[in-house]
Amino acid sequence: MAIRIKSRGGESVDQMMKRFKKLCEKEGLTKDIKRKEFFEKPSERRRRAARKAVNKRLREAFGPRRNTKE
């Protein structure tokens, strides 16, 4: 999938780069690139997925965290 950015009227290159980076973040490309930067063993991948699932279940069970300091 290609992300294309068209220049808006009077937009500088820096502004276009900022928009491009935001789109990449939104699509999850930067996370994916960082995750695939190094080889991850299948057992580590399963372990990470299991931890993620446990955390998700805990969040669903206890609801959102609230600030207890008043």
C-alpha atoms as a PDB file:
ATOM      1  CA  MET A   1       0.000   0.000   0.000  1.00  0.00           C
ATOM      2  CA  ALA A   2       1.388   3.379  -0.962  1.00  0.00           C
ATOM      3  CA  ILE A   3       0.806   6.561   0.966  1.00  0.00           C
ATOM      4  CA  ARG A   4       0.672   9.583  -1.287  1.00  0.00           C
ATOM      5  CA  ILE A   5       0.802  13.176  -0.181  1.00  0.00           C
ATOM      6  CA  LYS A   6      -0.202  15.980  -2.504  1.00  0.00           C
ATOM      7  CA  SER A   7       1.042  19.474  -1.848  1.00  0.00           C
ATOM      8  CA  ARG A   8      -1.559  21.890  -0.602  1.00  0.00           C
ATOM      9  CA  GLY A   9      -1.465  25.480  -1.737  1.00  0.00           C
ATOM     10  CA  GLY A  10       1.470  27.307  -0.131  1.00  0.00           C
ATOM     11  CA  GLU A  11       2.521  24.278   1.922  1.00  0.00           C
ATOM     12  CA  SER A  12       6.217  23.891   2.660  1.00  0.00           C
ATOM     13  CA  VAL A  13       8.158  20.643   2.389  1.00  0.00           C
ATOM     14  CA  ASP A  14       8.464  20.487   6.186  1.00  0.00           C
ATOM     15  CA  GLN A  15       4.689  20.659   6.569  1.00  0.00           C
ATOM     16  CA  MET A  16       4.256  17.922   3.962  1.00  0.00           C
ATOM     17  CA  MET A  17       6.763  15.705   5.793  1.00  0.00           C
ATOM     18  CA  LYS A  18       4.900  16.282   9.050  1.00  0.00           C
ATOM     19  CA  ARG A  19       1.613  15.215   7.405  1.00  0.00           C
ATOM     20  CA  PHE A  20       3.318  12.172   5.888  1.00  0.00           C
ATOM     21  CA  LYS A  21       4.736  11.096   9.245  1.00  0.00           C
ATOM     22  CA  LYS A  22       1.335  11.481  10.903  1.00  0.00           C
ATOM     23  CA  LEU A  23      -0.272   9.322   8.208  1.00  0.00           C
ATOM     24  CA  CYS A  24       2.411   6.662   8.693  1.00  0.00           C
ATOM     25  CA  GLU A  25       1.768   6.686  12.452  1.00  0.00           C
ATOM     26  CA  LYS A  26      -1.973   6.427  11.878  1.00  0.00           C
ATOM     27  CA  GLU A  27      -1.563   3.454   9.533  1.00  0.00           C
ATOM     28  CA  GLY A  28       0.747   1.731  12.040  1.00  0.00           C
ATOM     29  CA  LEU A  29       3.698   1.577   9.658  1.00  0.00           C
ATOM     30  CA  THR A  30       6.240   2.929  12.135  1.00  0.00           C
ATOM     31  CA  LYS A  31       5.246   0.373  14.781  1.00  0.00           C
ATOM     32  CA  ASP A  32       5.442  -2.399  12.208  1.00  0.00           C
ATOM     33  CA  ILE A  33       8.874  -1.308  10.998  1.00  0.00           C
ATOM     34  CA  LYS A  34      10.226  -1.132  14.546  1.00  0.00           C
ATOM     35  CA  ARG A  35       8.757  -4.559  15.334  1.00  0.00           C
ATOM     36  CA  LYS A  36      10.306  -6.120  12.231  1.00  0.00           C
ATOM     37  CA  GLU A  37      13.678  -4.430  12.650  1.00  0.00           C
ATOM     38  CA  PHE A  38      15.120  -7.464  14.440  1.00  0.00           C
ATOM     39  CA  PHE A  39      14.313 -11.144  14.161  1.00  0.00           C
ATOM     40  CA  GLU A  40      11.906 -12.381  16.799  1.00  0.00           C
ATOM     41  CA  LYS A  41      11.738 -16.059  17.587  1.00  0.00           C
ATOM     42  CA  PRO A  42       8.292 -17.645  17.242  1.00  0.00           C
ATOM     43  CA  SER A  43       8.280 -18.530  20.948  1.00  0.00           C
ATOM     44  CA  GLU A  44       8.931 -14.876  21.845  1.00  0.00           C
ATOM     45  CA  ARG A  45       6.141 -13.798  19.506  1.00  0.00           C
ATOM     46  CA  ARG A  46       3.698 -16.208  21.194  1.00  0.00           C
ATOM     47  CA  ARG A  47       4.830 -15.063  24.650  1.00  0.00           C
ATOM     48  CA  ARG A  48       4.323 -11.398  23.696  1.00  0.00           C
ATOM     49  CA  ALA A  49       0.869 -12.173  22.273  1.00  0.00           C
ATOM     50  CA  ALA A  50      -0.091 -14.041  25.465  1.00  0.00           C
ATOM     51  CA  ARG A  51       1.024 -11.111  27.645  1.00  0.00           C
ATOM     52  CA  LYS A  52      -0.965  -8.731  25.469  1.00  0.00           C
ATOM     53  CA  ALA A  53      -4.070 -10.922  25.793  1.00  0.00           C
ATOM     54  CA  VAL A  54      -3.738 -11.090  29.593  1.00  0.00           C
ATOM     55  CA  ASN A  55      -3.378  -7.320  29.834  1.00  0.00           C
ATOM     56  CA  LYS A  56      -6.401  -6.838  27.586  1.00  0.00           C
ATOM     57  CA  ARG A  57      -8.516  -9.164  29.754  1.00  0.00           C
ATOM     58  CA  LEU A  58      -7.420  -7.333  32.909  1.00  0.00           C
ATOM     59  CA  ARG A  59      -8.314  -3.951  31.398  1.00  0.00           C
ATOM     60  CA  GLU A  60     -11.736  -5.250  30.392  1.00  0.00           C
ATOM     61  CA  ALA A  61     -12.337  -6.786  33.831  1.00  0.00           C
ATOM     62  CA  PHE A  62     -11.307  -3.774  35.920  1.00  0.00           C
ATOM     63  CA  GLY A  63     -12.292  -1.006  33.565  1.00  0.00           C
ATOM     64  CA  PRO A  64     -10.360   2.214  32.977  1.00  0.00           C
ATOM     65  CA  ARG A  65      -7.821   3.338  35.548  1.00  0.00           C
ATOM     66  CA  ARG A  66      -8.858   6.295  37.630  1.00  0.00           C
ATOM     67  CA  ASN A  67      -6.620   8.664  39.497  1.00  0.00           C
ATOM     68  CA  THR A  68      -6.930   7.711  43.197  1.00  0.00           C
ATOM     69  CA  LYS A  69      -5.073  10.762  44.536  1.00  0.00           C
ATOM     70  CA  GLU A  70      -7.347  13.581  45.565  1.00  0.00           C
END
